[in-house]
Amino acid sequence: MLAVFSVMTVSAQETSCKNSCEFVPSWFVNVQGGVQMPYTPGKRSKLLSPAFSLNVGRNVNRYFSARLGIEGAYSRYKDLYEADSYHRFTYATGSFDGMLNLTNVFCKQNHPLNFYVLGGVGLNWSGAQTTNSSRFSPNLRLGA
């Protein structure tokens, strides 16, 4: 059930067909929602928190797409110095991703489902109290 509710995607791709289908560049929007659990000490049920994402991108050609996105919500962590104390903080991440459509790389026909690999860079902002001077940190993204 978690998988069903974790990702909702709205995507549009226009094609014009005569004797064969030609690719026409198009825009897309991804809306994602899910649950995260940081890999930190503490009771797992108290560490669960929501995560949301909004991405806007463009299918540049049949194989490559690019997107800009923002994600965030809040996260939790356990205070290591207090027995049963958990803290909550807000965070946001802006990112730029390049996406490779592996289905189109290996298959020349249109398919209802596509498999993408992606890589990107971004910048995190955290509302958590830290001992260093910056609340910003870079990130690298790899995924499928």
N, C-alpha and C. Protein backbone atom coordinates (compact mmCIF):
# COMPACT_ATOMS: atom_id res chain seq x y z
N MET A 1 0.82 -1.18 0.00
CA MET A 1 0.00 0.00 0.00
C MET A 1 0.87 1.25 0.00
N LEU A 2 2.00 1.19 0.70
CA LEU A 2 2.93 2.32 0.73
C LEU A 2 3.43 2.65 -0.66
N ALA A 3 3.73 1.63 -1.45
CA ALA A 3 4.22 1.85 -2.81
C ALA A 3 3.16 2.53 -3.68
N VAL A 4 1.91 2.18 -3.49
CA VAL A 4 0.83 2.77 -4.28
C VAL A 4 0.71 4.26 -3.99
N PHE A 5 0.82 4.65 -2.72
CA PHE A 5 0.65 6.05 -2.34
C PHE A 5 1.93 6.86 -2.35
N SER A 6 3.08 6.22 -2.54
CA SER A 6 4.35 6.93 -2.42
C SER A 6 4.68 7.78 -3.64
N VAL A 7 4.21 7.42 -4.83
CA VAL A 7 4.57 8.19 -6.03
C VAL A 7 3.35 8.34 -6.92
N MET A 8 3.03 9.58 -7.26
CA MET A 8 2.00 9.87 -8.25
C MET A 8 2.66 10.71 -9.32
N THR A 9 2.55 10.32 -10.57
CA THR A 9 3.21 11.03 -11.66
C THR A 9 2.20 11.43 -12.71
N VAL A 10 2.28 12.69 -13.16
CA VAL A 10 1.49 13.16 -14.27
C VAL A 10 2.49 13.48 -15.38
N SER A 11 2.34 12.82 -16.52
CA SER A 11 3.30 13.01 -17.60
C SER A 11 2.55 13.07 -18.92
N ALA A 12 2.96 13.96 -19.79
CA ALA A 12 2.35 14.07 -21.12
C ALA A 12 3.45 14.06 -22.15
N GLN A 13 3.25 13.27 -23.18
CA GLN A 13 4.19 13.23 -24.29
C GLN A 13 3.38 13.16 -25.57
N GLU A 14 3.55 14.14 -26.41
CA GLU A 14 2.82 14.17 -27.66
C GLU A 14 3.64 13.51 -28.76
N THR A 15 2.97 12.77 -29.61
CA THR A 15 3.62 12.21 -30.78
C THR A 15 2.75 12.47 -32.00
N SER A 16 3.37 12.63 -33.13
CA SER A 16 2.61 12.75 -34.37
C SER A 16 2.96 11.52 -35.21
N CYS A 17 1.95 10.79 -35.64
CA CYS A 17 2.19 9.54 -36.37
C CYS A 17 1.69 9.66 -37.80
N LYS A 18 2.53 9.26 -38.73
CA LYS A 18 2.13 9.12 -40.14
C LYS A 18 2.39 7.66 -40.48
N ASN A 19 3.46 7.37 -41.16
CA ASN A 19 3.84 5.98 -41.39
C ASN A 19 4.52 5.39 -40.17
N SER A 20 5.21 6.23 -39.42
CA SER A 20 5.82 5.80 -38.16
C SER A 20 5.71 6.95 -37.17
N CYS A 21 5.88 6.66 -35.91
CA CYS A 21 5.75 7.69 -34.88
C CYS A 21 7.06 8.44 -34.73
N GLU A 22 6.98 9.76 -34.65
CA GLU A 22 8.14 10.60 -34.42
C GLU A 22 8.06 11.17 -33.01
N PHE A 23 9.20 11.33 -32.40
CA PHE A 23 9.24 11.95 -31.08
C PHE A 23 9.04 13.45 -31.21
N VAL A 24 8.22 14.01 -30.32
CA VAL A 24 8.03 15.45 -30.23
C VAL A 24 8.37 15.85 -28.80
N PRO A 25 9.34 16.77 -28.60
CA PRO A 25 9.69 17.18 -27.24
C PRO A 25 8.46 17.65 -26.47
N SER A 26 8.43 17.38 -25.17
CA SER A 26 7.27 17.73 -24.35
C SER A 26 7.69 18.03 -22.91
N TRP A 27 6.82 18.73 -22.20
CA TRP A 27 7.02 19.05 -20.79
C TRP A 27 6.32 18.01 -19.94
N PHE A 28 6.79 17.83 -18.70
CA PHE A 28 6.11 16.94 -17.76
C PHE A 28 6.21 17.49 -16.35
N VAL A 29 5.30 17.02 -15.51
CA VAL A 29 5.24 17.41 -14.10
C VAL A 29 5.18 16.13 -13.28
N ASN A 30 6.02 16.02 -12.25
CA ASN A 30 5.97 14.89 -11.31
C ASN A 30 5.56 15.43 -9.95
N VAL A 31 4.61 14.78 -9.32
CA VAL A 31 4.23 15.07 -7.94
C VAL A 31 4.46 13.79 -7.16
N GLN A 32 5.26 13.85 -6.11
CA GLN A 32 5.58 12.65 -5.35
C GLN A 32 5.28 12.89 -3.88
N GLY A 33 4.91 11.83 -3.21
CA GLY A 33 4.70 11.88 -1.77
C GLY A 33 5.10 10.55 -1.18
N GLY A 34 5.59 10.57 0.02
CA GLY A 34 5.99 9.31 0.64
C GLY A 34 6.34 9.50 2.09
N VAL A 35 7.01 8.51 2.62
CA VAL A 35 7.41 8.49 4.02
C VAL A 35 8.91 8.25 4.06
N GLN A 36 9.58 8.95 4.95
CA GLN A 36 11.01 8.73 5.12
C GLN A 36 11.31 8.34 6.56
N MET A 37 12.40 7.62 6.72
CA MET A 37 12.88 7.24 8.04
C MET A 37 14.40 7.37 8.02
N PRO A 38 14.94 8.38 8.71
CA PRO A 38 16.39 8.54 8.72
C PRO A 38 17.10 7.38 9.39
N TYR A 39 18.29 7.13 8.94
CA TYR A 39 19.09 6.05 9.51
C TYR A 39 19.86 6.61 10.70
N THR A 40 19.16 6.78 11.80
CA THR A 40 19.72 7.30 13.04
C THR A 40 19.22 6.46 14.21
N PRO A 41 19.86 6.53 15.35
CA PRO A 41 19.38 5.78 16.51
C PRO A 41 18.00 6.27 16.93
N GLY A 42 17.22 5.37 17.51
CA GLY A 42 15.90 5.73 18.02
C GLY A 42 14.86 4.72 17.61
N LYS A 43 13.68 4.87 18.21
CA LYS A 43 12.56 3.99 17.90
C LYS A 43 12.06 4.32 16.49
N ARG A 44 12.03 3.32 15.61
CA ARG A 44 11.72 3.53 14.20
C ARG A 44 10.37 4.22 13.99
N SER A 45 9.34 3.86 14.74
CA SER A 45 8.02 4.45 14.56
C SER A 45 8.01 5.94 14.90
N LYS A 46 8.90 6.39 15.76
CA LYS A 46 8.96 7.81 16.12
C LYS A 46 9.82 8.62 15.15
N LEU A 47 10.54 7.93 14.26
CA LEU A 47 11.38 8.61 13.28
C LEU A 47 10.68 8.83 11.94
N LEU A 48 9.55 8.14 11.71
CA LEU A 48 8.83 8.28 10.45
C LEU A 48 8.33 9.71 10.26
N SER A 49 8.46 10.22 9.04
CA SER A 49 7.94 11.55 8.72
C SER A 49 7.63 11.63 7.22
N PRO A 50 6.76 12.56 6.83
CA PRO A 50 6.37 12.65 5.42
C PRO A 50 7.45 13.31 4.56
N ALA A 51 7.37 13.08 3.26
CA ALA A 51 8.25 13.73 2.28
C ALA A 51 7.42 14.00 1.03
N PHE A 52 7.57 15.21 0.48
CA PHE A 52 6.82 15.60 -0.71
C PHE A 52 7.78 16.20 -1.72
N SER A 53 7.42 16.07 -3.01
CA SER A 53 8.29 16.58 -4.06
C SER A 53 7.44 17.07 -5.24
N LEU A 54 7.92 18.14 -5.88
CA LEU A 54 7.31 18.65 -7.10
C LEU A 54 8.43 18.89 -8.10
N ASN A 55 8.32 18.29 -9.28
CA ASN A 55 9.33 18.41 -10.33
C ASN A 55 8.69 18.85 -11.63
N VAL A 56 9.40 19.68 -12.37
CA VAL A 56 8.98 20.09 -13.71
C VAL A 56 10.15 19.80 -14.64
N GLY A 57 9.85 19.13 -15.76
CA GLY A 57 10.94 18.76 -16.66
C GLY A 57 10.54 18.79 -18.11
N ARG A 58 11.50 18.47 -18.94
CA ARG A 58 11.29 18.45 -20.39
C ARG A 58 11.95 17.22 -20.98
N ASN A 59 11.20 16.52 -21.82
CA ASN A 59 11.75 15.42 -22.62
C ASN A 59 12.45 16.07 -23.81
N VAL A 60 13.78 16.13 -23.76
CA VAL A 60 14.58 16.82 -24.77
C VAL A 60 14.58 16.03 -26.08
N ASN A 61 14.81 14.75 -25.97
CA ASN A 61 14.73 13.87 -27.13
C ASN A 61 14.23 12.52 -26.64
N ARG A 62 14.24 11.55 -27.52
CA ARG A 62 13.68 10.22 -27.21
C ARG A 62 14.40 9.55 -26.04
N TYR A 63 15.64 9.92 -25.79
CA TYR A 63 16.46 9.25 -24.80
C TYR A 63 16.71 10.06 -23.53
N PHE A 64 16.75 11.37 -23.64
CA PHE A 64 17.19 12.21 -22.53
C PHE A 64 16.12 13.22 -22.10
N SER A 65 15.99 13.38 -20.77
CA SER A 65 15.10 14.37 -20.18
C SER A 65 15.86 15.09 -19.08
N ALA A 66 15.41 16.29 -18.76
CA ALA A 66 15.99 17.06 -17.66
C ALA A 66 14.85 17.62 -16.82
N ARG A 67 15.09 17.75 -15.51
CA ARG A 67 14.04 18.28 -14.64
C ARG A 67 14.62 19.10 -13.49
N LEU A 68 13.83 20.05 -13.02
CA LEU A 68 14.12 20.83 -11.82
C LEU A 68 13.08 20.44 -10.78
N GLY A 69 13.52 20.34 -9.53
CA GLY A 69 12.56 19.93 -8.51
C GLY A 69 12.85 20.53 -7.16
N ILE A 70 11.83 20.49 -6.33
CA ILE A 70 11.97 20.88 -4.93
C ILE A 70 11.24 19.83 -4.10
N GLU A 71 11.86 19.45 -3.00
CA GLU A 71 11.22 18.48 -2.11
C GLU A 71 11.47 18.90 -0.68
N GLY A 72 10.69 18.34 0.20
CA GLY A 72 10.88 18.66 1.60
C GLY A 72 9.66 18.35 2.42
N ALA A 73 9.71 18.73 3.65
CA ALA A 73 8.64 18.58 4.66
C ALA A 73 9.34 18.76 5.99
N TYR A 74 9.29 17.71 6.79
CA TYR A 74 10.04 17.74 8.04
C TYR A 74 10.60 16.37 8.33
N SER A 75 11.58 16.33 9.19
CA SER A 75 12.23 15.09 9.57
C SER A 75 12.39 15.08 11.08
N ARG A 76 12.74 13.93 11.63
CA ARG A 76 12.90 13.79 13.07
C ARG A 76 14.23 13.11 13.39
N TYR A 77 14.72 13.40 14.57
CA TYR A 77 15.90 12.71 15.08
C TYR A 77 15.80 12.59 16.59
N LYS A 78 16.50 11.61 17.14
CA LYS A 78 16.49 11.38 18.58
C LYS A 78 17.64 12.14 19.21
N ASP A 79 17.34 12.79 20.32
CA ASP A 79 18.37 13.47 21.10
C ASP A 79 19.19 12.40 21.81
N LEU A 80 20.49 12.36 21.54
CA LEU A 80 21.35 11.32 22.11
C LEU A 80 21.61 11.52 23.60
N TYR A 81 21.35 12.73 24.09
CA TYR A 81 21.68 13.02 25.49
C TYR A 81 20.47 12.97 26.41
N GLU A 82 19.25 12.89 25.86
CA GLU A 82 18.04 12.78 26.66
C GLU A 82 17.37 11.45 26.35
N ALA A 83 16.83 10.80 27.37
CA ALA A 83 16.34 9.43 27.27
C ALA A 83 15.33 9.22 26.14
N ASP A 84 14.20 9.87 26.16
CA ASP A 84 13.15 9.62 25.16
C ASP A 84 12.74 10.93 24.49
N SER A 85 13.72 11.71 24.06
CA SER A 85 13.46 13.02 23.47
C SER A 85 13.73 12.98 21.97
N TYR A 86 12.71 13.33 21.17
CA TYR A 86 12.82 13.39 19.71
C TYR A 86 12.59 14.83 19.27
N HIS A 87 13.33 15.27 18.27
CA HIS A 87 13.21 16.63 17.76
C HIS A 87 12.77 16.60 16.30
N ARG A 88 12.02 17.60 15.91
CA ARG A 88 11.50 17.71 14.55
C ARG A 88 12.06 19.00 13.93
N PHE A 89 12.43 18.93 12.64
CA PHE A 89 12.91 20.11 11.93
C PHE A 89 12.43 20.08 10.48
N THR A 90 12.30 21.24 9.89
CA THR A 90 11.90 21.33 8.49
C THR A 90 13.15 21.29 7.61
N TYR A 91 12.95 20.87 6.37
CA TYR A 91 14.05 20.85 5.41
C TYR A 91 13.48 21.04 4.00
N ALA A 92 14.33 21.44 3.08
CA ALA A 92 13.96 21.56 1.67
C ALA A 92 15.20 21.26 0.84
N THR A 93 14.99 20.69 -0.33
CA THR A 93 16.06 20.38 -1.26
C THR A 93 15.65 20.83 -2.65
N GLY A 94 16.47 21.63 -3.28
CA GLY A 94 16.29 21.98 -4.68
C GLY A 94 17.27 21.15 -5.50
N SER A 95 16.83 20.66 -6.66
CA SER A 95 17.72 19.79 -7.42
C SER A 95 17.52 19.93 -8.92
N PHE A 96 18.55 19.56 -9.67
CA PHE A 96 18.52 19.47 -11.13
C PHE A 96 18.95 18.06 -11.49
N ASP A 97 18.13 17.35 -12.28
CA ASP A 97 18.42 15.97 -12.65
C ASP A 97 18.46 15.81 -14.16
N GLY A 98 19.37 14.96 -14.63
CA GLY A 98 19.37 14.46 -16.00
C GLY A 98 18.84 13.04 -15.96
N MET A 99 17.96 12.69 -16.90
CA MET A 99 17.30 11.38 -16.89
C MET A 99 17.50 10.69 -18.24
N LEU A 100 17.93 9.43 -18.20
CA LEU A 100 18.13 8.64 -19.41
C LEU A 100 17.05 7.57 -19.47
N ASN A 101 16.29 7.53 -20.57
CA ASN A 101 15.22 6.56 -20.76
C ASN A 101 15.82 5.28 -21.34
N LEU A 102 16.08 4.31 -20.48
CA LEU A 102 16.70 3.05 -20.93
C LEU A 102 15.77 2.23 -21.82
N THR A 103 14.46 2.35 -21.64
CA THR A 103 13.52 1.63 -22.49
C THR A 103 13.70 2.07 -23.94
N ASN A 104 13.82 3.37 -24.17
CA ASN A 104 13.99 3.87 -25.54
C ASN A 104 15.39 3.60 -26.09
N VAL A 105 16.38 3.48 -25.22
CA VAL A 105 17.73 3.16 -25.68
C VAL A 105 17.76 1.76 -26.30
N PHE A 106 17.05 0.82 -25.66
CA PHE A 106 17.12 -0.58 -26.10
C PHE A 106 15.94 -1.01 -26.97
N CYS A 107 14.83 -0.27 -26.97
CA CYS A 107 13.65 -0.64 -27.75
C CYS A 107 13.24 0.55 -28.60
N LYS A 108 12.95 0.34 -29.86
CA LYS A 108 12.61 1.44 -30.77
C LYS A 108 11.10 1.70 -30.83
N GLN A 109 10.28 0.86 -30.24
CA GLN A 109 8.83 1.04 -30.25
C GLN A 109 8.39 1.80 -28.99
N ASN A 110 7.22 2.46 -29.08
CA ASN A 110 6.65 3.12 -27.91
C ASN A 110 6.14 2.08 -26.92
N HIS A 111 6.32 2.37 -25.62
CA HIS A 111 5.88 1.46 -24.56
C HIS A 111 5.07 2.23 -23.53
N PRO A 112 4.12 1.57 -22.89
CA PRO A 112 3.32 2.26 -21.86
C PRO A 112 4.13 2.56 -20.59
N LEU A 113 5.18 1.79 -20.33
CA LEU A 113 6.03 2.00 -19.17
C LEU A 113 7.46 2.24 -19.63
N ASN A 114 8.14 3.14 -18.95
CA ASN A 114 9.53 3.46 -19.29
C ASN A 114 10.39 3.34 -18.05
N PHE A 115 11.62 2.87 -18.23
CA PHE A 115 12.57 2.73 -17.13
C PHE A 115 13.64 3.81 -17.30
N TYR A 116 13.79 4.66 -16.28
CA TYR A 116 14.75 5.76 -16.31
C TYR A 116 15.85 5.55 -15.28
N VAL A 117 17.06 5.98 -15.62
CA VAL A 117 18.12 6.15 -14.64
C VAL A 117 18.37 7.66 -14.58
N LEU A 118 18.74 8.15 -13.40
CA LEU A 118 18.92 9.59 -13.27
C LEU A 118 20.12 9.91 -12.42
N GLY A 119 20.65 11.07 -12.65
CA GLY A 119 21.74 11.62 -11.86
C GLY A 119 21.55 13.11 -11.78
N GLY A 120 21.92 13.68 -10.64
CA GLY A 120 21.72 15.12 -10.51
C GLY A 120 22.48 15.71 -9.34
N VAL A 121 22.33 17.01 -9.23
CA VAL A 121 22.95 17.77 -8.14
C VAL A 121 21.88 18.64 -7.51
N GLY A 122 22.14 19.04 -6.27
CA GLY A 122 21.17 19.89 -5.59
C GLY A 122 21.77 20.60 -4.40
N LEU A 123 20.91 21.32 -3.72
CA LEU A 123 21.31 22.06 -2.53
C LEU A 123 20.26 21.83 -1.46
N ASN A 124 20.70 21.36 -0.29
CA ASN A 124 19.81 21.11 0.85
C ASN A 124 19.82 22.31 1.79
N TRP A 125 18.66 22.58 2.38
CA TRP A 125 18.54 23.53 3.48
C TRP A 125 17.89 22.79 4.64
N SER A 126 18.43 22.94 5.83
CA SER A 126 17.91 22.27 7.01
C SER A 126 17.61 23.28 8.10
N GLY A 127 16.47 23.13 8.74
CA GLY A 127 16.10 23.99 9.85
C GLY A 127 16.57 23.44 11.18
N ALA A 128 17.34 22.35 11.17
CA ALA A 128 17.83 21.73 12.41
C ALA A 128 18.91 22.60 13.04
N GLN A 129 18.96 22.56 14.36
CA GLN A 129 20.02 23.25 15.08
C GLN A 129 21.32 22.49 14.85
N THR A 130 22.35 23.20 14.39
CA THR A 130 23.63 22.56 14.11
C THR A 130 24.75 23.28 14.84
N THR A 131 25.88 22.61 14.93
CA THR A 131 27.04 23.24 15.56
C THR A 131 27.90 23.96 14.54
N ASN A 132 27.69 23.66 13.25
CA ASN A 132 28.46 24.39 12.23
C ASN A 132 27.71 25.66 11.83
N SER A 133 28.31 26.49 11.03
CA SER A 133 27.75 27.81 10.74
C SER A 133 26.74 27.81 9.59
N SER A 134 26.63 26.74 8.82
CA SER A 134 25.76 26.75 7.65
C SER A 134 24.63 25.75 7.78
N ARG A 135 23.47 26.14 7.30
CA ARG A 135 22.33 25.22 7.23
C ARG A 135 22.19 24.64 5.82
N PHE A 136 23.12 25.00 4.93
CA PHE A 136 23.08 24.54 3.55
C PHE A 136 24.14 23.48 3.31
N SER A 137 23.82 22.51 2.45
CA SER A 137 24.80 21.50 2.07
C SER A 137 24.48 21.01 0.65
N PRO A 138 25.48 20.66 -0.13
CA PRO A 138 25.25 20.15 -1.48
C PRO A 138 24.82 18.69 -1.42
N ASN A 139 24.18 18.23 -2.50
CA ASN A 139 23.86 16.80 -2.57
C ASN A 139 24.07 16.30 -3.99
N LEU A 140 24.29 15.01 -4.11
CA LEU A 140 24.36 14.30 -5.39
C LEU A 140 23.23 13.29 -5.39
N ARG A 141 22.61 13.13 -6.55
CA ARG A 141 21.49 12.21 -6.66
C ARG A 141 21.78 11.16 -7.73
N LEU A 142 21.53 9.91 -7.42
CA LEU A 142 21.59 8.80 -8.38
C LEU A 142 20.37 7.94 -8.11
N GLY A 143 19.73 7.49 -9.16
CA GLY A 143 18.55 6.67 -8.92
C GLY A 143 18.02 6.05 -10.18
N ALA A 144 16.92 5.33 -10.02
CA ALA A 144 16.24 4.68 -11.14
C ALA A 144 14.76 4.77 -10.90
